[in-house]
């Protein structure tokens, strides 16, 4: 069975799309902002891992009751 796929190309951006792009370029061009961003992402990842470990250990403790 063959399927045909159409490719669409965006030639202009909506205002909703421009803001994230300009914010991303601002962060990529500033080493201070990029460092702050990476530190925040790292903190969030650590928090998520801590939370996952806590859930897993709680699940394992209550599993055999």
C-alpha atoms as a PDB file:
ATOM      1  CA  UNK A   1       0.000   0.000   0.000  1.00  0.00           C
ATOM      2  CA  UNK A   2       1.441   3.367  -1.026  1.00  0.00           C
ATOM      3  CA  UNK A   3       0.807   6.540   0.860  1.00  0.00           C
ATOM      4  CA  UNK A   4       1.370   9.968  -0.562  1.00  0.00           C
ATOM      5  CA  UNK A   5       2.703  12.645   1.731  1.00  0.00           C
ATOM      6  CA  UNK A   6       2.585  16.348   1.147  1.00  0.00           C
ATOM      7  CA  UNK A   7       5.367  18.591   2.309  1.00  0.00           C
ATOM      8  CA  UNK A   8       4.425  22.055   3.400  1.00  0.00           C
ATOM      9  CA  UNK A   9       6.881  24.872   3.795  1.00  0.00           C
ATOM     10  CA  UNK A  10       6.267  27.800   6.082  1.00  0.00           C
ATOM     11  CA  UNK A  11       7.209  31.041   4.410  1.00  0.00           C
ATOM     12  CA  UNK A  12       6.111  33.402   7.156  1.00  0.00           C
ATOM     13  CA  UNK A  13       5.814  33.144  10.894  1.00  0.00           C
ATOM     14  CA  UNK A  14       2.898  34.097  13.064  1.00  0.00           C
ATOM     15  CA  UNK A  15       3.486  36.439  16.040  1.00  0.00           C
ATOM     16  CA  UNK A  16       3.149  33.443  18.393  1.00  0.00           C
ATOM     17  CA  UNK A  17       6.041  31.726  16.632  1.00  0.00           C
ATOM     18  CA  UNK A  18       8.333  34.772  16.533  1.00  0.00           C
ATOM     19  CA  UNK A  19       8.529  35.298  20.308  1.00  0.00           C
ATOM     20  CA  UNK A  20      10.066  31.895  21.191  1.00  0.00           C
ATOM     21  CA  UNK A  21      12.525  32.196  18.313  1.00  0.00           C
ATOM     22  CA  UNK A  22      13.665  35.648  19.381  1.00  0.00           C
ATOM     23  CA  UNK A  23      13.915  34.527  23.020  1.00  0.00           C
ATOM     24  CA  UNK A  24      15.984  31.509  22.026  1.00  0.00           C
ATOM     25  CA  UNK A  25      18.371  33.599  19.959  1.00  0.00           C
ATOM     26  CA  UNK A  26      18.708  36.069  22.853  1.00  0.00           C
ATOM     27  CA  UNK A  27      19.733  33.237  25.185  1.00  0.00           C
ATOM     28  CA  UNK A  28      22.090  31.664  22.660  1.00  0.00           C
ATOM     29  CA  UNK A  29      23.864  34.976  22.070  1.00  0.00           C
ATOM     30  CA  UNK A  30      24.367  35.760  25.763  1.00  0.00           C
ATOM     31  CA  UNK A  31      26.670  33.463  27.705  1.00  0.00           C
ATOM     32  CA  UNK A  32      25.309  34.771  31.030  1.00  0.00           C
ATOM     33  CA  UNK A  33      21.687  34.046  30.081  1.00  0.00           C
ATOM     34  CA  UNK A  34      22.638  30.670  28.629  1.00  0.00           C
ATOM     35  CA  UNK A  35      24.446  29.765  31.857  1.00  0.00           C
ATOM     36  CA  UNK A  36      21.427  30.793  33.941  1.00  0.00           C
ATOM     37  CA  UNK A  37      19.142  28.755  31.706  1.00  0.00           C
ATOM     38  CA  UNK A  38      21.298  25.634  31.894  1.00  0.00           C
ATOM     39  CA  UNK A  39      21.568  25.938  35.684  1.00  0.00           C
ATOM     40  CA  UNK A  40      17.782  26.194  35.992  1.00  0.00           C
ATOM     41  CA  UNK A  41      17.235  23.206  33.703  1.00  0.00           C
ATOM     42  CA  UNK A  42      19.757  21.230  35.770  1.00  0.00           C
ATOM     43  CA  UNK A  43      17.928  22.149  38.999  1.00  0.00           C
ATOM     44  CA  UNK A  44      14.613  21.027  37.511  1.00  0.00           C
ATOM     45  CA  UNK A  45      16.117  17.735  36.345  1.00  0.00           C
ATOM     46  CA  UNK A  46      17.576  17.091  39.806  1.00  0.00           C
ATOM     47  CA  UNK A  47      14.219  17.836  41.400  1.00  0.00           C
ATOM     48  CA  UNK A  48      12.477  15.484  38.989  1.00  0.00           C
ATOM     49  CA  UNK A  49      14.983  12.681  39.641  1.00  0.00           C
ATOM     50  CA  UNK A  50      14.576  13.130  43.402  1.00  0.00           C
ATOM     51  CA  UNK A  51      10.829  12.937  43.032  1.00  0.00           C
ATOM     52  CA  UNK A  52      11.042   9.814  40.865  1.00  0.00           C
ATOM     53  CA  UNK A  53      13.373   8.105  43.359  1.00  0.00           C
ATOM     54  CA  UNK A  54      10.972   8.934  46.162  1.00  0.00           C
ATOM     55  CA  UNK A  55       8.006   7.509  44.249  1.00  0.00           C
ATOM     56  CA  UNK A  56       9.893   4.333  43.379  1.00  0.00           C
ATOM     57  CA  UNK A  57      11.092   3.759  46.931  1.00  0.00           C
ATOM     58  CA  UNK A  58       7.593   4.399  48.321  1.00  0.00           C
ATOM     59  CA  UNK A  59       6.142   1.980  45.806  1.00  0.00           C
ATOM     60  CA  UNK A  60       8.666  -0.718  46.709  1.00  0.00           C
ATOM     61  CA  UNK A  61       8.033  -0.330  50.451  1.00  0.00           C
ATOM     62  CA  UNK A  62       4.243  -0.589  50.171  1.00  0.00           C
ATOM     63  CA  UNK A  63       4.203  -3.311  47.560  1.00  0.00           C
ATOM     64  CA  UNK A  64       4.489  -6.288  49.906  1.00  0.00           C
ATOM     65  CA  UNK A  65       2.198  -5.094  52.700  1.00  0.00           C
END
